[in-house]
Protein backbone atom coordinates (compact mmCIF):
# COMPACT_ATOMS: atom_id res chain seq x y z
CA MET A 1 -4.12 35.80 1.12
CA GLU A 2 -3.01 32.02 0.40
CA TYR A 3 -1.98 30.00 3.46
CA GLU A 4 -0.37 26.63 3.81
CA ILE A 5 -2.10 23.61 6.04
CA VAL A 6 0.14 21.21 7.96
CA VAL A 7 -1.25 18.77 9.95
CA GLY A 8 0.03 15.64 12.03
CA LEU A 9 -2.15 13.13 13.28
CA GLU A 10 -2.43 11.00 16.35
CA VAL A 11 -4.16 7.89 16.02
CA HIS A 12 -5.26 5.69 18.65
CA VAL A 13 -6.24 2.15 17.86
CA GLN A 14 -8.04 -0.20 19.81
CA LEU A 15 -5.87 -3.70 19.61
CA LEU A 16 -8.15 -7.02 18.42
CA THR A 17 -7.29 -8.64 22.10
CA ARG A 18 -9.61 -10.57 24.00
CA THR A 19 -8.27 -9.14 27.24
CA LYS A 20 -6.65 -5.83 28.12
CA LEU A 21 -3.10 -4.82 28.14
CA PHE A 22 -2.01 -5.57 31.62
CA CYS A 23 -4.60 -7.82 33.10
CA GLY A 24 -7.45 -10.56 31.92
CA CYS A 25 -10.39 -8.60 32.00
CA ARG A 26 -12.47 -8.71 28.51
CA THR A 27 -12.39 -5.70 26.15
CA GLU A 28 -15.77 -6.64 24.13
CA PHE A 29 -17.82 -3.17 23.25
CA GLY A 30 -21.19 -2.83 25.08
CA LEU A 31 -20.92 -4.54 28.18
CA PRO A 32 -23.02 -3.18 31.12
CA PRO A 33 -20.82 -0.28 32.88
CA ASN A 34 -17.59 -1.14 35.16
CA THR A 35 -18.16 -5.03 34.75
CA ALA A 36 -15.00 -5.71 32.96
CA THR A 37 -12.73 -4.52 35.56
CA CYS A 38 -10.46 -5.85 38.46
CA PRO A 39 -7.93 -4.76 40.84
CA VAL A 40 -5.25 -4.39 38.00
CA CYS A 41 -7.28 -1.86 35.79
CA LEU A 42 -8.86 -0.30 38.98
CA GLY A 43 -5.38 0.79 40.44
CA LEU A 44 -6.00 -0.97 43.67
CA PRO A 45 -2.97 -1.09 46.32
CA GLY A 46 -1.12 -4.22 45.35
CA ALA A 47 -2.27 -5.11 42.23
CA LEU A 48 0.51 -5.53 39.45
CA PRO A 49 0.33 -5.86 36.08
CA VAL A 50 1.11 -8.81 33.59
CA ILE A 51 1.79 -7.57 29.72
CA ASN A 52 -0.56 -9.04 27.27
CA HIS A 53 1.52 -11.19 24.46
CA ARG A 54 -0.98 -10.87 21.89
CA ALA A 55 -0.81 -7.05 21.90
CA VAL A 56 2.87 -6.68 21.77
CA GLU A 57 2.31 -9.14 18.66
CA LEU A 58 -0.25 -7.10 17.18
CA ALA A 59 1.61 -3.79 17.72
CA LEU A 60 4.68 -5.34 16.29
CA ARG A 61 2.50 -6.43 12.68
CA ALA A 62 1.10 -2.89 12.65
CA ALA A 63 4.90 -1.22 12.91
CA LEU A 64 6.23 -3.93 10.34
CA ALA A 65 3.21 -2.87 7.77
CA LEU A 66 3.88 0.68 8.42
CA ASN A 67 7.44 0.11 7.43
CA CYS A 68 8.85 1.13 10.79
CA ARG A 69 12.22 0.48 12.58
CA ILE A 70 11.52 -1.79 15.24
CA ALA A 71 13.15 -1.51 18.55
CA ARG A 72 14.89 -4.24 19.90
CA SER A 73 14.16 -3.25 23.46
CA THR A 74 11.59 -1.43 24.63
CA LYS A 75 10.21 -0.30 28.21
CA TRP A 76 7.18 0.87 29.64
CA ASP A 77 6.78 4.54 31.28
CA ARG A 78 4.39 5.90 33.70
CA LYS A 79 2.68 8.99 32.29
CA ASN A 80 1.48 10.98 35.45
CA TYR A 81 -2.09 13.01 35.26
CA TYR A 82 -5.27 13.44 37.29
CA TYR A 83 -8.65 12.74 35.47
CA PRO A 84 -11.83 10.93 36.92
CA ASP A 85 -11.72 8.03 34.34
CA LEU A 86 -8.03 7.31 35.01
CA PRO A 87 -8.06 5.26 38.34
CA LYS A 88 -4.14 4.95 39.33
CA ASN A 89 -3.83 8.43 38.38
CA TYR A 90 -1.01 7.26 35.79
CA GLN A 91 -1.10 5.97 32.41
CA ILE A 92 1.12 3.24 31.37
CA SER A 93 2.71 4.05 28.14
CA GLN A 94 5.98 4.54 26.30
CA TYR A 95 8.24 7.72 26.32
CA ASP A 96 11.38 7.64 25.10
CA LEU A 97 11.83 4.07 23.85
CA PRO A 98 8.81 3.26 21.63
CA LEU A 99 8.27 -0.22 20.29
CA SER A 100 8.98 1.36 16.76
CA SER A 101 9.51 4.31 14.74
CA ASP A 102 10.77 5.87 11.45
CA GLY A 103 7.96 4.60 9.19
CA TRP A 104 5.98 5.63 6.42
CA LEU A 105 2.44 5.28 4.95
CA GLU A 106 1.69 5.72 1.26
CA ILE A 107 -1.32 7.22 0.23
CA ASP A 108 -2.74 8.67 -3.12
CA VAL A 109 -4.90 11.73 -3.38
CA ALA A 110 -6.82 12.39 -6.67
CA THR A 111 -8.81 15.57 -7.53
CA ASP A 112 -10.40 13.02 -10.16
CA PRO A 113 -10.86 9.38 -8.51
CA ARG A 114 -10.73 7.75 -11.60
CA ARG A 115 -7.18 8.75 -12.71
CA ALA A 116 -3.79 7.60 -11.03
CA THR A 117 -1.94 10.26 -9.21
CA GLN A 118 1.57 10.57 -7.84
CA PRO A 119 1.35 8.06 -4.31
CA LYS A 120 2.93 10.32 -1.80
CA ARG A 121 4.44 8.99 1.41
CA VAL A 122 3.65 10.50 5.17
CA GLY A 123 6.27 9.54 7.24
CA ILE A 124 5.44 7.95 10.85
CA ILE A 125 7.54 9.30 13.75
CA ARG A 126 6.57 6.48 16.19
CA VAL A 127 4.23 3.44 16.82
CA HIS A 128 3.80 2.39 20.70
CA LEU A 129 1.51 0.51 22.83
CA GLU A 130 -0.41 2.36 25.88
CA GLU A 131 -3.09 1.74 27.79
CA ASP A 132 -6.82 3.56 27.52
CA ALA A 133 -8.74 5.30 30.20
CA GLY A 134 -12.02 4.87 31.16
CA LYS A 135 -15.22 6.64 30.00
CA LEU A 136 -17.35 9.56 31.26
CA LEU A 137 -20.87 9.53 30.78
CA HIS A 138 -22.24 13.19 31.13
CA ASP A 139 -26.04 13.65 31.61
CA GLU A 140 -26.87 15.43 28.53
CA SER A 141 -31.11 15.54 29.62
CA GLY A 142 -30.55 19.12 31.17
CA GLN A 143 -32.02 18.04 34.35
CA GLY A 144 -28.99 17.54 36.53
CA ALA A 145 -25.30 17.90 36.19
CA ALA A 146 -24.60 14.24 37.32
CA THR A 147 -21.51 12.65 35.30
CA ARG A 148 -20.91 8.90 36.03
CA VAL A 149 -17.62 6.76 35.29
CA ASP A 150 -17.92 3.67 33.41
CA LEU A 151 -13.86 2.00 33.84
CA ASN A 152 -14.75 -1.17 31.68
CA ARG A 153 -12.19 0.59 28.95
CA ALA A 154 -9.60 1.39 31.59
CA GLY A 155 -6.51 -0.83 30.51
CA THR A 156 -7.95 -1.52 27.12
CA PRO A 157 -4.78 -1.58 24.51
CA LEU A 158 -4.33 1.02 21.97
CA LEU A 159 -1.65 1.50 19.62
CA GLU A 160 -0.86 5.21 19.41
CA ILE A 161 0.54 5.84 15.53
CA VAL A 162 1.91 9.32 15.30
CA SER A 163 2.51 10.78 11.75
CA ARG A 164 5.15 13.46 10.79
CA PRO A 165 3.49 16.90 9.71
CA GLU A 166 3.60 16.16 6.15
CA ILE A 167 -0.34 16.53 5.40
CA HIS A 168 -1.24 19.48 3.80
CA SER A 169 -4.90 19.40 3.44
CA PRO A 170 -8.27 18.20 4.66
CA ALA A 171 -8.27 15.54 1.58
CA GLU A 172 -4.88 14.43 2.29
CA ALA A 173 -5.72 13.76 6.00
CA VAL A 174 -8.85 11.55 4.88
CA ALA A 175 -6.85 9.69 2.60
CA TYR A 176 -4.38 8.90 5.35
CA LEU A 177 -6.89 7.82 7.74
CA GLN A 178 -8.96 5.75 5.10
CA GLU A 179 -5.36 4.15 4.40
CA LEU A 180 -4.53 3.66 7.70
CA ARG A 181 -8.07 2.02 8.72
CA LEU A 182 -7.93 -0.35 5.70
CA LEU A 183 -4.19 -1.66 6.21
CA LEU A 184 -5.10 -2.23 10.28
CA ARG A 185 -8.55 -3.99 9.61
CA GLU A 186 -6.40 -6.35 6.49
CA ILE A 187 -3.88 -7.63 8.75
CA GLY A 188 -6.08 -8.12 11.62
CA VAL A 189 -5.04 -5.49 13.86
CA SER A 190 -8.04 -4.22 14.56
CA ASP A 191 -11.71 -3.42 13.32
CA CYS A 192 -11.22 0.08 13.20
CA GLU A 193 -15.01 0.76 14.57
CA MET A 194 -15.17 4.58 14.83
CA GLN A 195 -18.47 4.39 15.94
CA GLU A 196 -17.38 1.97 18.94
CA GLY A 197 -14.20 3.96 19.66
CA SER A 198 -12.19 1.66 18.71
CA LEU A 199 -10.24 4.30 16.43
CA ARG A 200 -10.01 7.93 17.39
CA CYS A 201 -7.95 10.52 15.88
CA ASP A 202 -6.31 14.10 17.32
CA ALA A 203 -5.34 16.42 14.42
CA ASN A 204 -2.69 18.69 15.05
CA VAL A 205 -2.89 22.03 12.91
CA ASN A 206 -1.39 24.95 12.02
CA VAL A 207 -0.83 26.96 9.06
CA ARG A 208 2.02 28.67 7.37
CA VAL A 209 1.34 32.54 6.69
CA PRO A 210 3.13 34.46 3.84
CA THR A 211 4.08 37.74 5.40
CA LYS A 212 6.55 40.71 4.61
CA ASP A 213 8.90 38.88 7.03
CA GLY A 214 8.99 35.75 5.04
CA VAL A 215 6.78 32.79 6.00
CA VAL A 216 5.48 32.37 9.35
CA ALA A 217 4.11 29.13 11.04
CA THR A 218 1.34 29.78 13.72
CA PRO A 219 0.88 28.04 16.86
CA ILE A 220 -0.43 24.49 17.14
CA VAL A 221 -3.82 23.50 18.07
CA GLU A 222 -4.79 19.71 18.59
CA ILE A 223 -8.02 18.95 17.71
CA LYS A 224 -8.77 15.89 20.05
CA ASN A 225 -10.85 12.94 19.73
CA LEU A 226 -12.16 12.96 15.99
CA ASN A 227 -14.76 10.15 15.56
CA SER A 228 -15.40 10.24 12.02
CA ILE A 229 -13.98 10.82 8.62
CA ARG A 230 -16.22 13.53 7.62
CA GLY A 231 -15.33 15.25 10.74
CA LEU A 232 -11.78 14.99 10.58
CA GLU A 233 -11.84 16.54 7.09
CA ARG A 234 -14.22 19.56 8.57
CA ALA A 235 -12.26 20.32 11.60
CA ILE A 236 -9.08 20.68 9.81
CA ASP A 237 -10.80 23.04 7.13
CA TYR A 238 -12.20 25.13 9.86
CA GLU A 239 -9.29 24.92 12.11
CA ALA A 240 -6.87 26.39 9.40
CA ARG A 241 -9.10 28.84 8.06
CA ARG A 242 -9.57 30.02 12.14
CA GLN A 243 -6.17 30.17 12.73
CA PHE A 244 -5.52 32.47 9.36
CA ARG A 245 -8.30 34.81 10.90
CA ALA A 246 -6.94 34.79 14.34
CA PHE A 247 -3.41 35.45 13.18
CA HIS A 248 -4.67 38.94 11.64
CA ASP A 249 -7.15 39.86 14.21
CA PRO A 250 -5.57 42.24 17.08
CA ASN A 251 -8.53 41.11 19.50
CA ASP A 252 -7.43 37.45 19.50
CA GLU A 253 -4.33 36.40 21.75
CA ALA A 254 -2.86 34.30 18.80
CA TYR A 255 -2.66 37.49 16.82
CA GLY A 256 0.50 37.74 15.05
CA LYS A 257 2.20 35.00 17.12
CA ARG A 258 4.56 32.36 15.96
CA PHE A 259 4.99 28.77 16.68
CA GLY A 260 7.08 28.56 19.93
CA GLU A 261 5.48 31.78 21.24
CA LEU A 262 2.25 30.34 22.58
CA PRO A 263 2.08 26.88 24.14
CA LYS A 264 0.36 24.04 21.80
CA ALA A 265 -3.49 24.17 22.70
CA THR A 266 -6.11 21.53 22.81
CA ALA A 267 -9.42 22.03 21.20
CA GLY A 268 -12.77 20.22 20.69
CA TRP A 269 -14.64 19.61 17.62
CA LEU A 270 -18.48 20.86 18.05
CA ASP A 271 -19.59 18.31 15.09
CA ASP A 272 -23.21 19.71 15.13
CA LEU A 273 -21.91 23.56 14.89
CA GLY A 274 -19.16 22.81 12.36
CA VAL A 275 -16.69 24.70 15.03
CA THR A 276 -13.59 24.08 17.00
CA ARG A 277 -13.60 25.63 20.54
CA VAL A 278 -10.00 25.82 22.07
CA GLN A 279 -10.28 24.49 25.76
CA ARG A 280 -6.80 24.93 27.41
CA ARG A 281 -3.06 25.23 26.79
CA LYS A 282 -1.50 21.91 26.42
CA GLU A 283 1.15 20.56 29.21
CA GLU A 284 4.52 19.62 27.83
CA ALA A 285 6.45 16.18 27.97
CA ALA A 286 7.97 17.51 31.66
CA ASP A 287 4.74 18.05 33.04
CA TYR A 288 3.42 14.46 32.71
CA ARG A 289 6.53 13.60 34.95
CA TYR A 290 7.55 10.31 32.97
CA PHE A 291 9.41 7.53 34.65
CA PRO A 292 10.05 3.87 33.80
CA ASP A 293 7.37 1.65 35.26
CA PRO A 294 9.01 -0.42 38.21
CA ASP A 295 6.49 -3.39 37.74
CA LEU A 296 7.07 -4.06 34.02
CA MET A 297 9.95 -5.65 32.40
CA PRO A 298 11.64 -4.38 28.75
CA VAL A 299 10.15 -6.50 25.97
CA SER A 300 13.09 -7.79 23.88
CA VAL A 301 12.16 -8.39 20.23
CA ASP A 302 14.27 -10.81 18.10
CA GLU A 303 14.22 -11.42 14.54
CA ALA A 304 12.84 -14.86 14.22
CA TRP A 305 9.56 -13.44 15.98
CA LEU A 306 9.65 -10.60 13.58
CA ALA A 307 9.91 -13.22 10.81
CA GLN A 308 7.03 -15.06 12.05
CA ILE A 309 4.92 -11.91 12.37
CA ARG A 310 5.81 -11.00 8.56
CA ASP A 311 4.87 -14.34 7.40
CA LYS A 312 1.31 -14.15 8.88
CA MET A 313 0.67 -10.52 7.27
CA GLY A 314 -0.19 -11.58 3.93
CA GLU A 315 -0.56 -9.07 0.81
CA LEU A 316 -0.63 -5.30 2.04
CA PRO A 317 -3.34 -3.04 0.21
CA ALA A 318 -0.91 -0.95 -1.55
CA ALA A 319 0.89 -4.17 -2.83
CA GLN A 320 -2.53 -5.44 -3.89
CA ARG A 321 -3.45 -2.74 -5.95
CA ARG A 322 -0.22 -2.56 -7.99
CA ARG A 323 -0.82 -6.32 -8.43
CA LEU A 324 -4.25 -5.78 -9.83
CA THR A 325 -3.33 -3.10 -11.97
CA GLN A 326 -0.51 -5.15 -13.39
CA GLN A 327 -1.59 -8.65 -13.40
CA TYR A 328 -5.41 -8.18 -14.86
CA GLY A 329 -4.87 -4.56 -16.68
CA LEU A 330 -7.58 -2.83 -14.31
CA SER A 331 -7.67 0.63 -14.03
CA HIS A 332 -6.15 2.36 -10.72
CA TYR A 333 -9.77 3.54 -9.93
CA ASP A 334 -11.02 -0.18 -10.50
CA ALA A 335 -8.31 -1.40 -8.56
CA ASN A 336 -8.75 0.96 -5.69
CA VAL A 337 -12.50 0.12 -5.17
CA LEU A 338 -11.66 -3.62 -5.26
CA VAL A 339 -8.99 -3.25 -2.69
CA ASN A 340 -10.58 -0.83 -0.43
CA GLN A 341 -13.76 -3.68 -0.01
CA GLY A 342 -11.22 -5.83 1.69
CA ARG A 343 -9.03 -9.08 1.08
CA ALA A 344 -12.21 -11.18 0.71
CA LEU A 345 -13.77 -9.25 -2.19
CA VAL A 346 -10.27 -9.37 -3.90
CA ALA A 347 -9.93 -12.61 -3.80
CA TYR A 348 -13.88 -13.24 -5.19
CA PHE A 349 -13.09 -11.30 -7.82
CA GLU A 350 -9.95 -12.77 -9.10
CA ILE A 351 -11.87 -16.43 -9.22
CA VAL A 352 -14.51 -14.45 -11.19
CA ALA A 353 -11.74 -13.06 -13.54
CA ARG A 354 -10.32 -16.43 -14.29
CA ALA A 355 -13.42 -18.18 -14.65
CA ALA A 356 -14.83 -15.47 -17.02
CA ASN A 357 -11.39 -15.16 -19.01
CA ASP A 358 -12.52 -11.28 -18.79
CA ALA A 359 -10.78 -9.26 -15.85
CA LYS A 360 -12.86 -5.86 -16.79
CA ALA A 361 -16.21 -7.62 -17.32
CA ALA A 362 -15.46 -9.14 -13.70
CA CYS A 363 -14.42 -6.25 -12.24
CA ASN A 364 -17.74 -4.49 -13.80
CA TRP A 365 -19.88 -7.18 -12.39
CA VAL A 366 -18.33 -7.13 -9.00
CA THR A 367 -17.91 -3.51 -8.20
CA ASN A 368 -21.80 -2.98 -9.58
CA GLN A 369 -23.88 -5.70 -9.59
CA VAL A 370 -22.57 -7.51 -6.80
CA LEU A 371 -21.46 -4.67 -4.62
CA ALA A 372 -25.05 -3.04 -4.92
CA THR A 373 -26.74 -6.20 -3.72
CA LEU A 374 -24.20 -6.77 -0.88
CA ASN A 375 -25.08 -3.09 0.26
CA GLU A 376 -28.88 -3.79 -0.37
CA ARG A 377 -28.94 -6.97 1.83
CA GLY A 378 -26.21 -5.93 4.31
CA GLN A 379 -24.20 -8.99 3.40
CA ARG A 380 -20.71 -10.02 3.32
CA ILE A 381 -19.30 -11.15 0.32
CA GLU A 382 -18.64 -14.59 2.17
CA GLN A 383 -22.68 -14.66 2.55
CA PHE A 384 -23.46 -14.04 -1.56
CA PRO A 385 -25.37 -16.51 -2.93
CA ILE A 386 -23.79 -16.66 -6.39
CA SER A 387 -20.24 -18.52 -6.15
CA ALA A 388 -17.48 -16.97 -7.91
CA HIS A 389 -16.62 -19.47 -10.21
CA LEU A 390 -20.75 -19.67 -10.97
CA LEU A 391 -20.57 -15.72 -11.72
CA GLY A 392 -17.53 -16.19 -13.83
CA GLU A 393 -19.27 -18.66 -15.78
CA MET A 394 -22.35 -16.70 -16.33
CA ILE A 395 -19.90 -13.77 -17.66
CA ALA A 396 -18.64 -15.75 -20.30
CA HIS A 397 -21.98 -17.28 -21.50
CA ILE A 398 -23.35 -14.08 -21.75
CA ARG A 399 -20.31 -12.78 -23.80
CA SER A 400 -20.72 -15.85 -26.13
CA GLN A 401 -24.51 -15.06 -26.53
CA GLY A 402 -24.06 -11.72 -26.89
CA LEU A 403 -26.91 -10.74 -24.64
CA ASN A 404 -27.93 -7.08 -24.09
CA ASN A 405 -27.53 -5.53 -20.63
CA GLN A 406 -30.94 -6.45 -19.44
CA ARG A 407 -31.03 -9.62 -20.40
CA ALA A 408 -27.57 -10.03 -18.41
CA ARG A 409 -29.03 -8.62 -15.55
CA ASP A 410 -32.02 -10.83 -15.94
CA VAL A 411 -29.78 -13.88 -15.67
CA PHE A 412 -28.20 -12.66 -12.83
CA GLN A 413 -31.39 -11.58 -10.97
CA HIS A 414 -32.39 -15.36 -11.85
CA LEU A 415 -29.06 -16.99 -10.24
CA LEU A 416 -29.58 -14.44 -7.05
CA GLN A 417 -32.85 -15.60 -6.47
CA SER A 418 -32.52 -19.32 -7.00
CA GLY A 419 -29.67 -19.55 -4.87
CA GLY A 420 -27.02 -20.17 -7.53
CA SER A 421 -28.19 -22.81 -9.96
CA SER A 422 -26.32 -23.49 -13.16
CA VAL A 423 -26.07 -21.01 -15.87
CA ALA A 424 -27.68 -23.44 -18.09
CA ASP A 425 -30.87 -23.82 -15.99
CA ALA A 426 -31.13 -19.73 -15.79
CA PHE A 427 -31.28 -19.57 -19.44
CA ALA A 428 -33.56 -22.14 -19.74
CA ALA A 429 -35.98 -20.71 -17.48
CA LEU A 430 -35.73 -17.37 -18.84
CA GLY A 431 -36.25 -18.57 -22.31
CA ILE A 432 -32.70 -17.89 -23.52
CA ARG A 433 -31.49 -19.53 -26.44
CA GLU A 434 -28.96 -19.11 -29.00
CA ILE A 435 -30.49 -17.84 -32.27
CA SER A 436 -28.56 -19.10 -35.68
CA GLU A 437 -27.23 -17.00 -37.99
CA THR A 438 -29.80 -18.29 -40.96
CA GLU A 439 -32.56 -17.32 -38.05
CA LEU A 440 -31.26 -13.74 -37.59
CA ARG A 441 -30.54 -13.22 -41.22
CA GLU A 442 -34.09 -13.65 -41.77
CA ALA A 443 -35.46 -11.70 -38.71
CA VAL A 444 -32.90 -8.66 -40.38
CA ARG A 445 -34.65 -9.14 -43.58
CA ARG A 446 -38.20 -9.03 -42.14
CA GLN A 447 -37.50 -5.80 -40.22
CA LEU A 448 -35.53 -4.16 -43.41
CA ALA A 449 -38.55 -4.54 -45.35
CA ALA A 450 -41.41 -3.58 -42.45
CA HIS A 451 -39.35 0.01 -42.09
CA PRO A 452 -39.00 1.35 -45.16
CA LYS A 453 -38.72 4.82 -44.06
CA ALA A 454 -35.87 3.91 -41.98
CA VAL A 455 -34.10 2.29 -44.57
CA ALA A 456 -34.56 5.69 -46.65
CA ASP A 457 -33.30 7.86 -44.06
CA TYR A 458 -30.36 5.86 -43.61
CA GLN A 459 -29.24 5.72 -47.09
CA ALA A 460 -29.99 9.83 -47.36
CA GLY A 461 -27.28 10.15 -44.90
CA ASN A 462 -28.96 9.65 -41.17
CA PRO A 463 -26.74 6.83 -39.66
CA ARG A 464 -29.23 6.90 -36.33
CA ALA A 465 -31.98 5.65 -38.53
CA ILE A 466 -30.91 2.42 -38.59
CA ASP A 467 -31.13 2.31 -34.44
CA ARG A 468 -35.24 1.96 -35.16
CA ILE A 469 -34.46 -1.60 -37.24
CA LYS A 470 -32.12 -2.52 -34.56
CA GLY A 471 -34.67 -2.14 -31.73
CA ALA A 472 -37.50 -4.20 -33.92
CA ILE A 473 -34.86 -6.88 -33.94
CA MET A 474 -34.23 -7.30 -30.58
CA LYS A 475 -38.00 -7.01 -29.91
CA GLU A 476 -38.64 -9.98 -32.46
CA THR A 477 -35.78 -12.03 -30.89
CA GLY A 478 -36.47 -11.36 -27.32
CA GLY A 479 -33.14 -9.66 -26.82
CA MET A 480 -31.22 -12.54 -27.46
CA ALA A 481 -29.79 -11.75 -30.52
CA ARG A 482 -25.99 -10.57 -30.66
CA MET A 483 -25.53 -6.97 -31.64
CA ASP A 484 -22.12 -7.38 -33.12
CA VAL A 485 -23.96 -10.10 -35.51
CA VAL A 486 -26.90 -7.73 -35.83
CA GLN A 487 -24.98 -5.05 -37.17
CA ARG A 488 -22.73 -7.17 -39.51
CA LEU A 489 -25.96 -8.70 -41.24
CA LEU A 490 -27.68 -5.21 -41.56
CA ASP A 491 -24.44 -3.99 -43.33
CA GLU A 492 -24.28 -6.85 -45.67
CA GLU A 493 -27.97 -6.52 -46.41
CA LEU A 494 -28.19 -2.77 -46.89
CA HIS A 495 -25.11 -2.93 -49.11
CA ARG A 496 -26.19 -5.93 -50.91
CA PRO A 497 -26.24 -5.27 -54.72
CA THR A 498 -29.63 -5.36 -55.72
C-alpha cells in the first residue's frame, strides 16, 4: 500500500554573536566546561537579564530573508520545565507573540540534478528567539554511570525556525535544510556548523494512509536533535515506514490510531543502528505554564530599523541563481553549483567570466579545476593563488591558441605552482607557441603522406580512420595545433583535386 509522508521541521540555529542572549558571557565553541558562565545564565537569585541587541538584529535579518511578517512589538515568555542542564528551571523563549511569522522558503528538488524543476515554497509558521540550555556529558566508557553538566551553552542565543508540514519526502527535507543553511550563512546570521551544534533540527513526522474509510493521518512523532543532513534523510525515511507498519500492527499501541487520538511523541535517532526509538509522549503548551517574563521589556521594531537591516543583507541565493542563469546563460545545474559554494566563489566566477568573455568556459574551470584544487588544499577561494582576472585571461589565451585539454591543464598547473605568474610566462615556460597556418599545413601534408593506409580507410568510408592522422599531427606539434584548424586543413588536403 502507498502512503504520503508529512514532515514539518523545527530548526534551531545558534546566532553569530560574541555574547549570550541575556548576559555578557562568551559564545565560542570548545571553551573548557563551565568557564563561560555568570550569575545570569546560571540563574542565581537576584541576577537580571539584559537583551542582546545584536541577537535581535540577526533574528530580524533571518526573518526578512525568509519573507516573514515582522511583529512590530514582541515580548518574552518563560517556558517552565525541569532538566539538569537548565539552571533556572525555565527557558526564556517566545510564545504567543513571536518575532515574526507567516513566511516561506523556496526550494528545488530535482530527480536529475542537471535539470531544473518547478520551485516549491515551503511555508514558515514562525521565526523566534530563545535561549539555549546547557549540555549533559554522559559517561560512555561503561565503567560508571556519571553524567556531568557543562553550562557554557546555557543562555546562548538561538533562532527557532518552524516550517509548516508541507514537506513530503526525505529529499524535500534535505533540500529545505540545505537551502536554509546556505541562506543563513550567506546573510551572516549563523555559521550553521552542525558538528558543533550551531544548527540542530527536529523533524515532526507522520503519514497519511489510505483506508476503506478514506485517508487517515497517523499520530505525530517528533525526532529530536538531528545533527547531520544524512541523518535527517535517513531518520524521516525510517520513521515514516515504522509508522505505516505500526498503524497495521495489532500489537503496537499506535495500531489504527489517528492524528489526535494519541499525544505527540518524541523519538531519538540512533544513527549507528539506523532506527528511531520512541521515548515519551510529549507535553502540550499548557504543561509548560508559559507566562510573560517580568524582567524583560517588549521589543519594538520600526520600519527604519528594518530598512537598515535589508540594506545589509545583499543578494539572496535564490535571486543569485536566477541572475546567473539569465545574465550569463548558465544552466540551472551550473548556477546551483556556484551559488551553493557561497558569495565569494560567485564573485570570483563573475570576474573570470568577464575577463574570459566566455561564461560557460569560466564556469567549467571554476566548478571543476578551481573547486577541486580548493578541496584538495583545504582552502577558501580568498586563498586561491590564481586571481580571477588571471584565470579569465588564461581561458581567453587557451581559446585563441586552440590548446587541447591536456595542454590547457598544464598551463593551469604552472600558474598554480608559480603563485600566479603571467599567462605569457606560463606559455613560454611550457614551450607553447602559436603555429602559423603555413607551418601547420606542412605538418598535415607530412602526416597524410606518412599514413597512406589511414587515408585509404578514410576514403573507403571509415571517418574514424582520420583520427590516427590527427593524433600524429598533435604529437608532431607538441599539442599546440588548433584542432579546428587541423580539421579544416585535413578536409582541404583530402579533397584537393589531384
